[in-house]
Amino acid sequence: MGYAIKVQKVDRPTNCSHYLNLPMVLAKTLDVRKGEVWEWTVEDKNTLRLSRVKQLPPRRLRAKP
């Protein structure tokens, strides 16, 4: 399952930027925090990988009864 997003383009007199928004459900699941540094890696023309620069420890999952 995936989450569809639209790319936003902002033209300013000094530069042009493209923005991608992370859906809130993903941000909460990944425990994304304000000011965190992430890095894009281009795998091929159709694939970008988004990775945290400073890794968090893995989450511990509760065992099902």
C-alpha atoms as a PDB file:
ATOM      1  CA  MET A   1       0.000   0.000   0.000  1.00  0.00           C
ATOM      2  CA  GLY A   2       1.261   3.469  -0.805  1.00  0.00           C
ATOM      3  CA  TYR A   3       0.304   7.089  -0.283  1.00  0.00           C
ATOM      4  CA  ALA A   4      -0.154   9.289  -3.340  1.00  0.00           C
ATOM      5  CA  ILE A   5       1.159  12.843  -3.130  1.00  0.00           C
ATOM      6  CA  LYS A   6       1.486  15.701  -5.607  1.00  0.00           C
ATOM      7  CA  VAL A   7       4.672  17.623  -6.260  1.00  0.00           C
ATOM      8  CA  GLN A   8       4.320  21.356  -5.602  1.00  0.00           C
ATOM      9  CA  LYS A   9       6.381  23.840  -7.586  1.00  0.00           C
ATOM     10  CA  VAL A  10       7.094  27.288  -6.173  1.00  0.00           C
ATOM     11  CA  ASP A  11       8.562  29.938  -8.487  1.00  0.00           C
ATOM     12  CA  ARG A  12      10.264  32.833  -6.745  1.00  0.00           C
ATOM     13  CA  PRO A  13      12.226  35.684  -8.288  1.00  0.00           C
ATOM     14  CA  THR A  14      15.504  34.266  -6.905  1.00  0.00           C
ATOM     15  CA  ASN A  15      14.907  30.515  -7.250  1.00  0.00           C
ATOM     16  CA  CYS A  16      12.499  27.717  -8.122  1.00  0.00           C
ATOM     17  CA  SER A  17      11.753  24.904  -5.660  1.00  0.00           C
ATOM     18  CA  HIS A  18       9.778  21.670  -5.725  1.00  0.00           C
ATOM     19  CA  TYR A  19       8.164  20.369  -2.545  1.00  0.00           C
ATOM     20  CA  LEU A  20       6.954  16.920  -1.506  1.00  0.00           C
ATOM     21  CA  ASN A  21       4.742  16.579   1.558  1.00  0.00           C
ATOM     22  CA  LEU A  22       4.946  13.584   3.860  1.00  0.00           C
ATOM     23  CA  PRO A  23       1.468  12.363   4.881  1.00  0.00           C
ATOM     24  CA  MET A  24       0.822  12.722   8.624  1.00  0.00           C
ATOM     25  CA  VAL A  25       0.172   8.993   9.085  1.00  0.00           C
ATOM     26  CA  LEU A  26       3.677   8.244   7.770  1.00  0.00           C
ATOM     27  CA  ALA A  27       5.275  11.029   9.799  1.00  0.00           C
ATOM     28  CA  LYS A  28       3.718   9.672  12.997  1.00  0.00           C
ATOM     29  CA  THR A  29       4.632   6.081  12.166  1.00  0.00           C
ATOM     30  CA  LEU A  30       8.251   7.070  11.475  1.00  0.00           C
ATOM     31  CA  ASP A  31       8.392   9.414  14.494  1.00  0.00           C
ATOM     32  CA  VAL A  32       9.493  12.342  12.320  1.00  0.00           C
ATOM     33  CA  ARG A  33      10.494  15.364  14.365  1.00  0.00           C
ATOM     34  CA  LYS A  34      10.761  19.034  13.479  1.00  0.00           C
ATOM     35  CA  GLY A  35      14.257  19.997  12.381  1.00  0.00           C
ATOM     36  CA  GLU A  36      15.433  16.443  11.623  1.00  0.00           C
ATOM     37  CA  VAL A  37      17.853  16.029   8.749  1.00  0.00           C
ATOM     38  CA  TRP A  38      16.929  13.548   5.997  1.00  0.00           C
ATOM     39  CA  GLU A  39      18.759  12.671   2.800  1.00  0.00           C
ATOM     40  CA  TRP A  40      17.450  11.841  -0.680  1.00  0.00           C
ATOM     41  CA  THR A  41      19.326   9.218  -2.712  1.00  0.00           C
ATOM     42  CA  VAL A  42      18.526   8.719  -6.401  1.00  0.00           C
ATOM     43  CA  GLU A  43      18.378   5.005  -7.191  1.00  0.00           C
ATOM     44  CA  ASP A  44      17.139   5.404 -10.752  1.00  0.00           C
ATOM     45  CA  LYS A  45      14.941   7.763 -12.769  1.00  0.00           C
ATOM     46  CA  ASN A  46      11.777   6.454 -11.058  1.00  0.00           C
ATOM     47  CA  THR A  47      13.013   5.750  -7.524  1.00  0.00           C
ATOM     48  CA  LEU A  48      14.131   8.050  -4.710  1.00  0.00           C
ATOM     49  CA  ARG A  49      15.179   6.728  -1.303  1.00  0.00           C
ATOM     50  CA  LEU A  50      14.589   8.930   1.745  1.00  0.00           C
ATOM     51  CA  SER A  51      16.796   8.162   4.761  1.00  0.00           C
ATOM     52  CA  ARG A  52      17.399   9.703   8.169  1.00  0.00           C
ATOM     53  CA  VAL A  53      20.905  11.072   8.534  1.00  0.00           C
ATOM     54  CA  LYS A  54      20.994  10.277  12.270  1.00  0.00           C
ATOM     55  CA  GLN A  55      19.387   6.882  12.823  1.00  0.00           C
ATOM     56  CA  LEU A  56      16.947   6.271  15.666  1.00  0.00           C
ATOM     57  CA  PRO A  57      16.983   3.019  17.639  1.00  0.00           C
ATOM     58  CA  PRO A  58      14.437   0.486  16.346  1.00  0.00           C
ATOM     59  CA  ARG A  59      10.995   0.539  17.955  1.00  0.00           C
ATOM     60  CA  ARG A  60      10.134  -2.351  20.223  1.00  0.00           C
ATOM     61  CA  LEU A  61       6.867  -3.962  19.290  1.00  0.00           C
ATOM     62  CA  ARG A  62       4.527  -5.437  21.870  1.00  0.00           C
ATOM     63  CA  ALA A  63       4.029  -9.177  21.681  1.00  0.00           C
ATOM     64  CA  LYS A  64       0.519 -10.292  20.803  1.00  0.00           C
ATOM     65  CA  PRO A  65      -1.177 -12.254  23.600  1.00  0.00           C
END
